Amino acid sequence: MNIPPVPRGTDKARIVSLIETVSLKGAGTEKDPVREVFQYWDFDGKLIAEKDCIEVSKMNIEIIDTLIEKMSDRISEVLKSSDFNGVAELTKALAELVSARASFK
């Protein structure tokens, strides 16, 4: 009988020694902002992994932009129903999203 393996989480963990470097990267433009890049190297000088924070920022910006669009649509709907308390709460939340979005520029 051949039973297929079932994913069950981490099967093994160990501590390994690596060199972590943190460098600035980018031209300082909107398309290529200055940011930190984390790199992990073995002791033979081989690059093992790299984490460029721009990718996380791009994802966050896309998520926030989508939320701003949906929130704006919801405010329009609530305005039509004359629920001004709801509009005030949504406007406050929208302002927080816009502020968060501005922090990624």
C-alpha atoms as a PDB file:
ATOM      1  CA  MET A   1       0.000   0.000   0.000  1.00  0.00           C
ATOM      2  CA  ASN A   2       1.430   3.374  -1.037  1.00  0.00           C
ATOM      3  CA  ILE A   3       0.267   6.128   1.332  1.00  0.00           C
ATOM      4  CA  PRO A   4       1.014   9.651   0.040  1.00  0.00           C
ATOM      5  CA  PRO A   5       2.801  12.017   2.426  1.00  0.00           C
ATOM      6  CA  VAL A   6       0.586  14.496   4.246  1.00  0.00           C
ATOM      7  CA  PRO A   7       1.866  18.023   4.984  1.00  0.00           C
ATOM      8  CA  ARG A   8       1.888  18.506   8.737  1.00  0.00           C
ATOM      9  CA  GLY A   9       3.961  21.579   9.502  1.00  0.00           C
ATOM     10  CA  THR A  10       7.623  21.764  10.371  1.00  0.00           C
ATOM     11  CA  ASP A  11       9.360  18.393  10.470  1.00  0.00           C
ATOM     12  CA  LYS A  12      12.781  19.706  11.371  1.00  0.00           C
ATOM     13  CA  ALA A  13      14.357  22.908  12.652  1.00  0.00           C
ATOM     14  CA  ARG A  14      17.924  23.790  13.439  1.00  0.00           C
ATOM     15  CA  ILE A  15      20.035  26.802  14.140  1.00  0.00           C
ATOM     16  CA  VAL A  16      22.436  27.718  11.364  1.00  0.00           C
ATOM     17  CA  SER A  17      25.060  30.412  11.318  1.00  0.00           C
ATOM     18  CA  LEU A  18      24.828  33.009   8.552  1.00  0.00           C
ATOM     19  CA  ILE A  19      26.088  36.503   7.943  1.00  0.00           C
ATOM     20  CA  GLU A  20      23.337  39.116   7.692  1.00  0.00           C
ATOM     21  CA  THR A  21      24.107  42.346   5.852  1.00  0.00           C
ATOM     22  CA  VAL A  22      21.854  45.396   5.656  1.00  0.00           C
ATOM     23  CA  SER A  23      22.441  47.794   2.770  1.00  0.00           C
ATOM     24  CA  LEU A  24      20.727  50.781   1.233  1.00  0.00           C
ATOM     25  CA  LYS A  25      19.532  50.314  -2.330  1.00  0.00           C
ATOM     26  CA  GLY A  26      17.721  52.576  -4.767  1.00  0.00           C
ATOM     27  CA  ALA A  27      18.145  55.790  -6.700  1.00  0.00           C
ATOM     28  CA  GLY A  28      15.819  57.854  -4.499  1.00  0.00           C
ATOM     29  CA  THR A  29      13.131  58.209  -7.167  1.00  0.00           C
ATOM     30  CA  GLU A  30       9.445  57.307  -6.913  1.00  0.00           C
ATOM     31  CA  LYS A  31      10.014  54.224  -9.076  1.00  0.00           C
ATOM     32  CA  ASP A  32      13.217  53.255  -7.264  1.00  0.00           C
ATOM     33  CA  PRO A  33      13.052  54.584  -3.684  1.00  0.00           C
ATOM     34  CA  VAL A  34      15.925  54.251  -1.253  1.00  0.00           C
ATOM     35  CA  ARG A  35      15.282  51.295   1.046  1.00  0.00           C
ATOM     36  CA  GLU A  36      17.009  48.677   3.156  1.00  0.00           C
ATOM     37  CA  VAL A  37      17.946  45.339   1.640  1.00  0.00           C
ATOM     38  CA  PHE A  38      18.733  42.406   3.917  1.00  0.00           C
ATOM     39  CA  GLN A  39      21.080  39.741   2.580  1.00  0.00           C
ATOM     40  CA  TYR A  40      22.078  36.434   4.141  1.00  0.00           C
ATOM     41  CA  TRP A  41      25.422  34.869   3.266  1.00  0.00           C
ATOM     42  CA  ASP A  42      27.205  31.664   4.187  1.00  0.00           C
ATOM     43  CA  PHE A  43      30.809  31.749   5.400  1.00  0.00           C
ATOM     44  CA  ASP A  44      32.099  30.945   1.907  1.00  0.00           C
ATOM     45  CA  GLY A  45      30.637  34.205   0.549  1.00  0.00           C
ATOM     46  CA  LYS A  46      27.650  32.578  -1.176  1.00  0.00           C
ATOM     47  CA  LEU A  47      24.443  34.646  -1.128  1.00  0.00           C
ATOM     48  CA  ILE A  48      21.714  32.489   0.417  1.00  0.00           C
ATOM     49  CA  ALA A  49      18.735  34.876   0.490  1.00  0.00           C
ATOM     50  CA  GLU A  50      17.792  38.505  -0.028  1.00  0.00           C
ATOM     51  CA  LYS A  51      14.843  40.488   1.341  1.00  0.00           C
ATOM     52  CA  ASP A  52      14.170  43.751  -0.476  1.00  0.00           C
ATOM     53  CA  CYS A  53      11.635  45.798   1.489  1.00  0.00           C
ATOM     54  CA  ILE A  54      10.315  47.428  -1.714  1.00  0.00           C
ATOM     55  CA  GLU A  55       8.354  44.286  -2.552  1.00  0.00           C
ATOM     56  CA  VAL A  56       6.548  44.408   0.799  1.00  0.00           C
ATOM     57  CA  SER A  57       5.881  48.128   0.308  1.00  0.00           C
ATOM     58  CA  LYS A  58       4.461  47.537  -3.181  1.00  0.00           C
ATOM     59  CA  MET A  59       2.087  44.892  -1.827  1.00  0.00           C
ATOM     60  CA  ASN A  60       1.018  47.152   1.032  1.00  0.00           C
ATOM     61  CA  ILE A  61       0.386  50.043  -1.359  1.00  0.00           C
ATOM     62  CA  GLU A  62      -1.784  47.846  -3.597  1.00  0.00           C
ATOM     63  CA  ILE A  63      -3.783  46.602  -0.601  1.00  0.00           C
ATOM     64  CA  ILE A  64      -4.262  50.112   0.791  1.00  0.00           C
ATOM     65  CA  ASP A  65      -5.261  51.493  -2.634  1.00  0.00           C
ATOM     66  CA  THR A  66      -7.908  48.773  -2.934  1.00  0.00           C
ATOM     67  CA  LEU A  67      -9.195  49.526   0.569  1.00  0.00           C
ATOM     68  CA  ILE A  68      -9.346  53.267  -0.168  1.00  0.00           C
ATOM     69  CA  GLU A  69     -11.363  52.604  -3.322  1.00  0.00           C
ATOM     70  CA  LYS A  70     -13.796  50.298  -1.504  1.00  0.00           C
ATOM     71  CA  MET A  71     -14.096  52.712   1.430  1.00  0.00           C
ATOM     72  CA  SER A  72     -14.852  55.623  -0.927  1.00  0.00           C
ATOM     73  CA  ASP A  73     -17.589  53.558  -2.601  1.00  0.00           C
ATOM     74  CA  ARG A  74     -19.036  52.646   0.800  1.00  0.00           C
ATOM     75  CA  ILE A  75     -19.085  56.306   1.888  1.00  0.00           C
ATOM     76  CA  SER A  76     -21.084  57.157  -1.256  1.00  0.00           C
ATOM     77  CA  GLU A  77     -23.589  54.403  -0.421  1.00  0.00           C
ATOM     78  CA  VAL A  78     -23.952  55.550   3.187  1.00  0.00           C
ATOM     79  CA  LEU A  79     -24.384  59.182   2.103  1.00  0.00           C
ATOM     80  CA  LYS A  80     -27.326  58.139  -0.070  1.00  0.00           C
ATOM     81  CA  SER A  81     -28.964  56.568   2.998  1.00  0.00           C
ATOM     82  CA  SER A  82     -28.465  59.778   5.066  1.00  0.00           C
ATOM     83  CA  ASP A  83     -26.636  57.861   7.848  1.00  0.00           C
ATOM     84  CA  PHE A  84     -24.361  60.739   8.796  1.00  0.00           C
ATOM     85  CA  ASN A  85     -22.921  58.952  11.851  1.00  0.00           C
ATOM     86  CA  GLY A  86     -21.861  56.135   9.563  1.00  0.00           C
ATOM     87  CA  VAL A  87     -20.336  58.629   7.140  1.00  0.00           C
ATOM     88  CA  ALA A  88     -18.307  60.228   9.943  1.00  0.00           C
ATOM     89  CA  GLU A  89     -16.920  56.851  11.049  1.00  0.00           C
ATOM     90  CA  LEU A  90     -16.101  55.793   7.499  1.00  0.00           C
ATOM     91  CA  THR A  91     -14.504  59.157   6.712  1.00  0.00           C
ATOM     92  CA  LYS A  92     -12.262  58.814   9.759  1.00  0.00           C
ATOM     93  CA  ALA A  93     -11.219  55.309   8.679  1.00  0.00           C
ATOM     94  CA  LEU A  94     -10.626  56.553   5.131  1.00  0.00           C
ATOM     95  CA  ALA A  95      -8.406  59.373   6.422  1.00  0.00           C
ATOM     96  CA  GLU A  96      -6.326  56.814   8.342  1.00  0.00           C
ATOM     97  CA  LEU A  97      -5.915  54.711   5.186  1.00  0.00           C
ATOM     98  CA  VAL A  98      -4.891  57.754   3.138  1.00  0.00           C
ATOM     99  CA  SER A  99      -2.373  58.662   5.842  1.00  0.00           C
ATOM    100  CA  ALA A 100      -0.979  55.118   5.826  1.00  0.00           C
ATOM    101  CA  ARG A 101      -0.767  55.240   2.018  1.00  0.00           C
ATOM    102  CA  ALA A 102       1.200  58.494   2.169  1.00  0.00           C
ATOM    103  CA  SER A 103       3.777  56.892   4.442  1.00  0.00           C
ATOM    104  CA  PHE A 104       4.773  54.476   1.645  1.00  0.00           C
ATOM    105  CA  LYS A 105       5.830  57.186  -0.803  1.00  0.00           C
END
